[in-house]
Every structure is written in structure tokens, then in C-alpha cells.
Amino acid sequence: MPEKLRLVLPHGLLLAATGFLYWAATRIAANTGAGRIGPDAWPKAILVFMGALCAWEIVRRLAMRPRGAAQASPAGGGEGGDAPPALQWGKLAAGVGLVTGYVIVVPWTGFFVATAVFLAAFPWFGGMRRPALTTALGVAGSLALVVVFMRVAYISLPLGAGPFQALSLALLKLIGVS
């Protein structure tokens, strides 16, 4: 199989799947009232972004230089930095563990708390060792997602139990949802 085709094949298949899924999303009943978006809007929007990203990646990969093409470096060493980075099993395991843990704890801690912890811990385990920045990213990202899901998309999120539920309800009241 030619190198260029091998590079774009996964994105081409994903683009075709995106087209099929978009067609399927056109079959979702969209009769809502009162100027609200229907249940078909979000799947279609996500699929449009997914299709655009696939198309972008196909164009990018077709436009890039083949791996075997010699590149002159200032030191005259040819191609030296083309080797992919080594797989870091510890970071991979931490990422999988964080995703698994998130799915397990979100019913008890609620969406806001679980997402804030996840969004702060993921870059930390990925190697970013700036606690103030990762904490700010976690809290701000979680708050932004709560606003988008609850105020824009009207999606109900898990509130948690006990003190987590009280925190979630106070947050929803603060952003004007309840």
C-alpha cells in the first residue's frame, strides 16, 4: 500500500463513518418548540466538527513530506529527529486509571467535583508539575462544562450524594439553573 494512502486511510474511513452518522442524525425527530434547539442539533454539530477534523488531517497528511525524504539539518546529520517518542507505560496506565476512576466515582461525587479532579489530575499525571495551574484548569474546565451542559444543551448531570449533592445544587443555583 502506498505510504500516503496508508497515512490517510484511517481518517478517510472515519470521515466516511462520520458522513453515515450525520445521515442517520438527520432522521432524528427535531420538532421542538419555543425557539429551543432540538435533539438532532448536538449530534449533528459534533459530527460536523469530527468531519472537519478528519478532512483537515487528510489534507495535512497529503501535504506533508514523505518520511524517507532527506532533510538537511544545520549540523549536516540528515534526518535525526524523525523517530517517534517512546511509549511511556506509566503515563498510559495513569490515564486509563483516571478515566476508569472517573466513570466509577461520578455518580457519588457528582459531575462538577469528579470532572474538576479529573481535569486537574490528567495533566498532572501527564507530566505538568504546576499544582496551581492544574487546579485552576480543573476547576475552570469543570465549571465551563457544567455551564455548557446545563445552560446551553439542557443536559441533566449527576449531582452526587451527601455533601457533593449540596455543593452541586449550590453551584447550579449560582449559575442560575435551579
Protein backbone atom coordinates (compact mmCIF):
# COMPACT_ATOMS: atom_id res chain seq x y z
CA MET A 1 0.00 0.00 0.00
CA PRO A 2 1.44 3.43 -0.90
CA GLU A 3 2.72 5.43 2.08
CA LYS A 4 0.37 8.40 1.54
CA LEU A 5 -2.68 6.12 1.31
CA ARG A 6 -1.62 4.29 4.46
CA LEU A 7 -1.34 7.63 6.27
CA VAL A 8 -4.80 8.91 5.26
CA LEU A 9 -6.77 5.65 5.26
CA PRO A 10 -7.85 5.76 8.95
CA HIS A 11 -9.04 9.36 8.62
CA GLY A 12 -10.77 8.60 5.32
CA LEU A 13 -12.65 5.71 6.90
CA LEU A 14 -13.56 7.88 9.87
CA LEU A 15 -14.74 10.63 7.51
CA ALA A 16 -16.95 8.12 5.69
CA ALA A 17 -18.34 6.87 9.02
CA THR A 18 -18.98 10.49 10.02
CA GLY A 19 -20.96 11.04 6.82
CA PHE A 20 -23.06 7.96 7.51
CA LEU A 21 -23.69 9.00 11.11
CA TYR A 22 -24.66 12.50 10.00
CA TRP A 23 -27.16 10.98 7.59
CA ALA A 24 -28.51 8.89 10.49
CA ALA A 25 -28.75 12.05 12.65
CA THR A 26 -30.96 13.67 10.01
CA ARG A 27 -33.55 11.03 10.86
CA ILE A 28 -33.86 12.22 14.49
CA ALA A 29 -37.18 13.93 15.11
CA ALA A 30 -36.44 17.63 15.57
CA ASN A 31 -39.83 19.08 16.42
CA THR A 32 -39.26 21.22 19.49
CA GLY A 33 -40.91 24.47 20.24
CA ALA A 34 -40.28 27.79 21.89
CA GLY A 35 -37.10 28.52 19.95
CA ARG A 36 -35.12 25.70 21.57
CA ILE A 37 -32.72 23.54 19.69
CA GLY A 38 -33.87 20.01 19.03
CA PRO A 39 -32.31 16.69 19.96
CA ASP A 40 -30.76 16.47 16.49
CA ALA A 41 -28.60 19.59 16.88
CA TRP A 42 -25.84 18.30 19.16
CA PRO A 43 -25.11 15.04 17.32
CA LYS A 44 -25.01 16.95 14.04
CA ALA A 45 -22.73 19.65 15.46
CA ILE A 46 -20.30 17.09 16.85
CA LEU A 47 -20.31 15.19 13.56
CA VAL A 48 -19.60 18.37 11.59
CA PHE A 49 -16.59 19.09 13.80
CA MET A 50 -15.45 15.48 13.54
CA GLY A 51 -15.74 15.55 9.75
CA ALA A 52 -13.85 18.84 9.56
CA LEU A 53 -11.05 17.44 11.72
CA CYS A 54 -10.82 14.31 9.57
CA ALA A 55 -10.70 16.38 6.39
CA TRP A 56 -8.05 18.65 7.90
CA GLU A 57 -5.92 15.68 8.90
CA ILE A 58 -6.25 14.11 5.45
CA VAL A 59 -5.13 17.34 3.77
CA ARG A 60 -2.31 17.80 6.28
CA ARG A 61 -1.02 14.27 5.77
CA LEU A 62 -1.23 14.52 1.98
CA ALA A 63 0.69 17.81 2.04
CA MET A 64 3.49 16.67 4.33
CA ARG A 65 6.82 15.39 3.09
CA PRO A 66 7.27 11.61 2.98
CA ARG A 67 9.28 10.05 5.82
CA GLY A 68 12.04 8.83 3.54
CA ALA A 69 12.74 12.28 2.12
CA ALA A 70 16.10 13.51 3.31
CA GLN A 71 16.06 16.71 5.30
CA ALA A 72 19.23 18.67 5.67
CA SER A 73 19.88 19.72 9.22
CA PRO A 74 22.14 22.60 10.20
CA ALA A 75 24.61 20.09 11.67
CA GLY A 76 24.58 18.06 8.45
CA GLY A 77 23.22 14.97 10.17
CA GLY A 78 20.32 14.33 7.80
CA GLU A 79 17.14 13.15 9.46
CA GLY A 80 17.70 12.54 13.13
CA GLY A 81 14.58 13.71 14.91
CA ASP A 82 12.05 11.61 12.99
CA ALA A 83 11.90 8.74 15.48
CA PRO A 84 8.60 8.66 17.40
CA PRO A 85 8.84 9.15 21.15
CA ALA A 86 8.98 6.02 23.28
CA LEU A 87 5.69 4.84 24.75
CA GLN A 88 5.50 5.72 28.44
CA TRP A 89 3.59 2.86 30.02
CA GLY A 90 3.23 4.56 33.41
CA LYS A 91 1.53 7.61 31.92
CA LEU A 92 -0.67 5.41 29.77
CA ALA A 93 -1.73 3.35 32.80
CA ALA A 94 -2.37 6.52 34.82
CA GLY A 95 -4.57 7.92 32.03
CA VAL A 96 -6.57 4.71 31.73
CA GLY A 97 -6.89 4.56 35.52
CA LEU A 98 -8.10 8.16 35.69
CA VAL A 99 -10.76 7.57 33.04
CA THR A 100 -11.90 4.37 34.76
CA GLY A 101 -11.93 6.06 38.16
CA TYR A 102 -13.91 8.99 36.77
CA VAL A 103 -16.63 6.69 35.44
CA ILE A 104 -16.81 4.90 38.80
CA VAL A 105 -16.92 7.95 41.12
CA VAL A 106 -19.04 10.43 39.14
CA PRO A 107 -22.38 9.07 40.49
CA TRP A 108 -21.22 9.67 44.09
CA THR A 109 -19.18 12.86 43.77
CA GLY A 110 -21.29 14.48 41.07
CA PHE A 111 -20.25 15.79 37.69
CA PHE A 112 -18.64 19.03 38.87
CA VAL A 113 -16.33 17.53 41.51
CA ALA A 114 -15.39 14.42 39.52
CA THR A 115 -14.67 16.46 36.39
CA ALA A 116 -12.63 19.08 38.27
CA VAL A 117 -10.47 16.37 39.85
CA PHE A 118 -10.12 14.54 36.52
CA LEU A 119 -9.19 17.70 34.57
CA ALA A 120 -6.61 18.62 37.22
CA ALA A 121 -5.15 15.12 37.62
CA PHE A 122 -4.84 14.27 33.91
CA PRO A 123 -2.20 16.89 33.07
CA TRP A 124 -0.50 16.23 36.42
CA PHE A 125 -0.02 12.55 35.63
CA GLY A 126 0.95 13.56 32.09
CA GLY A 127 3.94 15.46 33.47
CA MET A 128 2.73 19.02 34.16
CA ARG A 129 4.00 19.72 37.66
CA ARG A 130 2.39 23.09 38.33
CA PRO A 131 -0.24 22.49 41.04
CA ALA A 132 -1.81 25.96 40.88
CA LEU A 133 -2.22 25.76 37.10
CA THR A 134 -3.59 22.21 37.04
CA THR A 135 -6.04 23.05 39.84
CA ALA A 136 -7.20 26.20 38.03
CA LEU A 137 -7.58 24.25 34.78
CA GLY A 138 -9.61 21.57 36.56
CA VAL A 139 -12.00 23.95 38.29
CA ALA A 140 -12.40 26.31 35.31
CA GLY A 141 -12.85 23.44 32.85
CA SER A 142 -15.39 21.70 35.04
CA LEU A 143 -17.34 24.91 35.58
CA ALA A 144 -17.33 25.63 31.83
CA LEU A 145 -18.63 22.13 31.08
CA VAL A 146 -21.39 22.46 33.69
CA VAL A 147 -22.49 25.76 32.15
CA VAL A 148 -22.44 24.35 28.61
CA PHE A 149 -24.27 21.15 29.52
CA MET A 150 -26.81 22.63 31.93
CA ARG A 151 -27.49 26.11 30.47
CA VAL A 152 -26.86 25.63 26.76
CA ALA A 153 -27.55 21.97 25.98
CA TYR A 154 -30.08 21.35 28.76
CA ILE A 155 -28.45 18.07 29.72
CA SER A 156 -29.01 16.78 33.22
CA LEU A 157 -25.79 15.89 35.04
CA PRO A 158 -25.17 13.67 38.09
CA LEU A 159 -25.37 15.75 41.27
CA GLY A 160 -23.65 13.29 43.59
CA ALA A 161 -24.64 12.25 47.08
CA GLY A 162 -24.43 13.86 50.52
CA PRO A 163 -22.17 16.92 50.66
CA PHE A 164 -21.35 16.58 46.96
CA GLN A 165 -25.02 16.93 46.10
CA ALA A 166 -25.28 20.02 48.29
CA LEU A 167 -22.25 21.51 46.51
CA SER A 168 -23.70 20.69 43.09
CA LEU A 169 -27.07 22.25 43.97
CA ALA A 170 -25.37 25.39 45.30
CA LEU A 171 -23.32 25.64 42.10
CA LEU A 172 -26.42 25.23 39.93
CA LYS A 173 -28.18 27.95 41.90
CA LEU A 174 -25.11 30.19 41.46
CA ILE A 175 -25.14 29.82 37.66
CA GLY A 176 -28.92 30.20 37.53
CA VAL A 177 -30.01 26.69 36.63
CA SER A 178 -32.14 25.79 39.65
